[in-house]
Each structure stands twice: as structure tokens, then as C-alpha cells.
């Protein structure tokens, strides 16, 4: 059983993205606000592995779902 923290930093690590506070902030500034008519998983800045992870996290209502939804909400501000 995975008992690790599932926070935004861990999500960025899971996605293979730089995960320091400054790097997460930079990512948010570079990619937001997202067009509300486009799904988070459809943005071209995801590589195929990242896209698959995000799709599975949302479809399976996994432990990561809350953080993926949080990322989506923050990127739409």
C-alpha cells in the first residue's frame, strides 16, 4: 500500500517535473490560465507518459485524483 504524501510537490515529482516551490510556481505562471474549454490532459505541454498518468488518475479516482484536480483548478485561474 502506498502511504506516501500526495501533495502538489509529490504530483510534480510523479510527473517527472521539477518540484521545488519556485519551479512549481514557474510552471503555473508559464501555463496558466488554461482555456476552460480544453481538458487538462489535452494540453500539448504534457508528454505521453504524463498524459497517461493524468488520465488514469482521473478515470480511476486514484489517490492522485485530488491533486490532479487541484492542479487543474490552479492552472485555470
Protein backbone atom coordinates (compact mmCIF):
# COMPACT_ATOMS: atom_id res chain seq x y z
CA UNK A 1 0.00 0.00 0.00
CA UNK A 2 1.29 3.46 -0.92
CA UNK A 3 1.27 5.66 2.17
CA UNK A 4 3.37 8.49 0.75
CA UNK A 5 2.12 12.05 0.78
CA UNK A 6 0.07 13.00 -2.24
CA UNK A 7 0.59 16.73 -2.36
CA UNK A 8 1.36 19.05 -5.27
CA UNK A 9 5.12 18.60 -4.85
CA UNK A 10 4.74 14.82 -4.98
CA UNK A 11 2.48 15.12 -8.04
CA UNK A 12 5.15 17.13 -9.86
CA UNK A 13 7.72 14.51 -8.88
CA UNK A 14 5.40 11.74 -10.11
CA UNK A 15 5.06 13.59 -13.43
CA UNK A 16 8.84 13.92 -13.69
CA UNK A 17 8.68 17.70 -13.45
CA UNK A 18 10.90 19.99 -11.36
CA UNK A 19 9.23 20.11 -7.97
CA UNK A 20 10.73 22.87 -5.85
CA UNK A 21 8.31 25.60 -4.79
CA UNK A 22 9.93 28.05 -7.22
CA UNK A 23 9.76 25.56 -10.10
CA UNK A 24 6.11 24.75 -9.44
CA UNK A 25 5.31 28.48 -9.33
CA UNK A 26 7.20 28.99 -12.59
CA UNK A 27 5.27 26.13 -14.24
CA UNK A 28 1.97 27.65 -13.09
CA UNK A 29 2.89 31.07 -14.47
CA UNK A 30 4.11 29.65 -17.78
CA UNK A 31 0.99 27.56 -18.40
CA UNK A 32 -1.91 29.50 -16.93
CA UNK A 33 -4.57 30.46 -17.34
CA UNK A 34 -5.75 27.46 -19.34
CA UNK A 35 -8.68 27.78 -21.70
CA UNK A 36 -11.69 26.42 -19.77
CA UNK A 37 -12.96 24.59 -22.85
CA UNK A 38 -9.86 22.35 -23.08
CA UNK A 39 -9.34 19.40 -20.73
CA UNK A 40 -6.20 19.43 -18.62
CA UNK A 41 -4.97 16.21 -20.24
CA UNK A 42 -5.31 17.66 -23.76
CA UNK A 43 -2.70 20.40 -23.37
CA UNK A 44 0.38 19.92 -25.57
CA UNK A 45 2.88 20.56 -22.77
CA UNK A 46 2.33 17.02 -21.40
CA UNK A 47 4.43 14.20 -22.74
CA UNK A 48 2.67 10.86 -23.44
CA UNK A 49 3.64 9.36 -20.08
CA UNK A 50 2.43 12.40 -18.14
CA UNK A 51 -0.81 12.47 -20.12
CA UNK A 52 -1.43 8.76 -19.43
CA UNK A 53 -0.79 9.23 -15.72
CA UNK A 54 -3.22 12.17 -15.52
CA UNK A 55 -5.91 10.31 -17.48
CA UNK A 56 -5.58 7.23 -15.28
CA UNK A 57 -5.57 9.27 -12.07
CA UNK A 58 -8.85 10.91 -13.04
CA UNK A 59 -10.52 7.83 -14.54
CA UNK A 60 -9.64 5.53 -11.65
CA UNK A 61 -10.40 8.05 -8.90
CA UNK A 62 -6.95 7.22 -7.56
CA UNK A 63 -5.06 8.64 -4.62
CA UNK A 64 -3.72 11.26 -7.04
CA UNK A 65 -7.13 12.49 -8.23
CA UNK A 66 -7.44 15.26 -5.66
CA UNK A 67 -4.03 16.72 -6.55
CA UNK A 68 -4.66 16.43 -10.31
CA UNK A 69 -7.95 18.28 -9.85
CA UNK A 70 -6.16 20.88 -7.71
CA UNK A 71 -3.53 21.36 -10.42
CA UNK A 72 -6.29 21.77 -12.99
CA UNK A 73 -8.05 24.40 -10.88
CA UNK A 74 -4.87 26.37 -10.20
CA UNK A 75 -3.93 26.39 -13.88
CA UNK A 76 -7.32 27.82 -14.79
CA UNK A 77 -7.01 30.91 -12.56
